[in-house]
Amino acid sequence: MEIIGFCAGLFTLLTYVPQSIKTIRSRKTRDLSLVTLILLTLSALLWVIYGLKKGLPAVWLTNTVVSLLAISILAIKLQNKD
């Protein structure tokens, strides 16, 4: 079952990679919702905590990376103030 968790986490992670790369390169965040970015960041961080507490590497590993990507996009959004 753990392999299914890793696959699910990997696919979730891969959905954020293109947006993260595009945002980091272009620094353009005007069309990104601040509320969505905040919720995504909080959600991923809570999944990290949950995964650590439950001893589920598939959950905490993938969501750690998602958290870092989400925080990066959120930071750029907050810097831009658009």
Protein backbone atom coordinates (compact mmCIF):
# COMPACT_ATOMS: atom_id res chain seq x y z
CA MET A 1 0.00 0.00 0.00
CA GLU A 2 2.89 2.39 0.68
CA ILE A 3 3.79 2.39 -3.02
CA ILE A 4 0.28 3.66 -3.83
CA GLY A 5 0.81 6.49 -1.35
CA PHE A 6 4.14 7.40 -2.93
CA CYS A 7 2.60 7.36 -6.41
CA ALA A 8 -0.32 9.55 -5.30
CA GLY A 9 2.05 11.95 -3.58
CA LEU A 10 4.35 12.04 -6.58
CA PHE A 11 1.50 12.89 -8.95
CA THR A 12 0.30 15.61 -6.57
CA LEU A 13 3.82 16.97 -6.39
CA LEU A 14 4.18 16.93 -10.17
CA THR A 15 1.08 19.11 -10.55
CA TYR A 16 2.87 21.95 -8.72
CA VAL A 17 6.25 21.70 -10.45
CA PRO A 18 5.31 23.39 -13.77
CA GLN A 19 3.54 26.28 -12.01
CA SER A 20 6.44 26.68 -9.59
CA ILE A 21 9.03 26.77 -12.35
CA LYS A 22 6.99 29.23 -14.39
CA THR A 23 6.38 31.51 -11.40
CA ILE A 24 9.98 31.44 -10.19
CA ARG A 25 11.30 32.22 -13.67
CA SER A 26 8.78 34.88 -14.64
CA ARG A 27 8.06 36.33 -11.17
CA LYS A 28 4.50 36.92 -12.46
CA THR A 29 1.74 36.06 -10.00
CA ARG A 30 -1.06 38.45 -10.91
CA ASP A 31 -3.43 35.67 -11.99
CA LEU A 32 -2.74 33.47 -8.97
CA SER A 33 -5.17 33.60 -6.06
CA LEU A 34 -3.57 34.62 -2.77
CA VAL A 35 -6.22 32.74 -0.78
CA THR A 36 -5.62 29.57 -2.78
CA LEU A 37 -1.86 29.82 -2.27
CA ILE A 38 -2.27 30.32 1.48
CA LEU A 39 -4.67 27.38 1.75
CA LEU A 40 -2.42 25.16 -0.36
CA THR A 41 0.58 26.01 1.80
CA LEU A 42 -1.27 25.38 5.05
CA SER A 43 -2.76 22.16 3.72
CA ALA A 44 0.61 20.79 2.64
CA LEU A 45 2.21 21.75 5.97
CA LEU A 46 -0.57 20.03 7.90
CA TRP A 47 -0.11 16.89 5.77
CA VAL A 48 3.59 16.95 6.64
CA ILE A 49 2.75 17.06 10.35
CA TYR A 50 0.15 14.31 9.96
CA GLY A 51 2.54 12.11 7.98
CA LEU A 52 5.30 12.56 10.55
CA LYS A 53 2.99 11.80 13.48
CA LYS A 54 1.59 8.69 11.76
CA GLY A 55 4.96 7.53 10.43
CA LEU A 56 3.87 7.75 6.80
CA PRO A 57 6.86 8.68 4.65
CA ALA A 58 4.76 8.80 1.47
CA VAL A 59 2.69 11.56 3.04
CA TRP A 60 5.34 13.66 4.75
CA LEU A 61 8.04 13.40 2.09
CA THR A 62 5.92 14.45 -0.86
CA ASN A 63 4.11 17.16 1.08
CA THR A 64 7.40 18.58 2.31
CA VAL A 65 8.34 19.23 -1.31
CA VAL A 66 4.85 20.53 -2.12
CA SER A 67 5.16 22.85 0.91
CA LEU A 68 8.47 24.23 -0.33
CA LEU A 69 7.06 24.85 -3.79
CA ALA A 70 3.90 26.45 -2.39
CA ILE A 71 5.91 28.64 -0.02
CA SER A 72 8.11 29.76 -2.92
CA ILE A 73 5.12 30.79 -5.03
CA LEU A 74 3.42 32.42 -2.04
CA ALA A 75 6.55 34.42 -1.21
CA ILE A 76 6.77 35.72 -4.77
CA LYS A 77 3.06 36.58 -4.70
CA LEU A 78 3.48 38.53 -1.46
CA GLN A 79 6.54 40.37 -2.80
CA ASN A 80 4.68 41.40 -5.93
CA LYS A 81 1.63 42.76 -4.06
CA ASP A 82 -0.45 42.50 -7.23
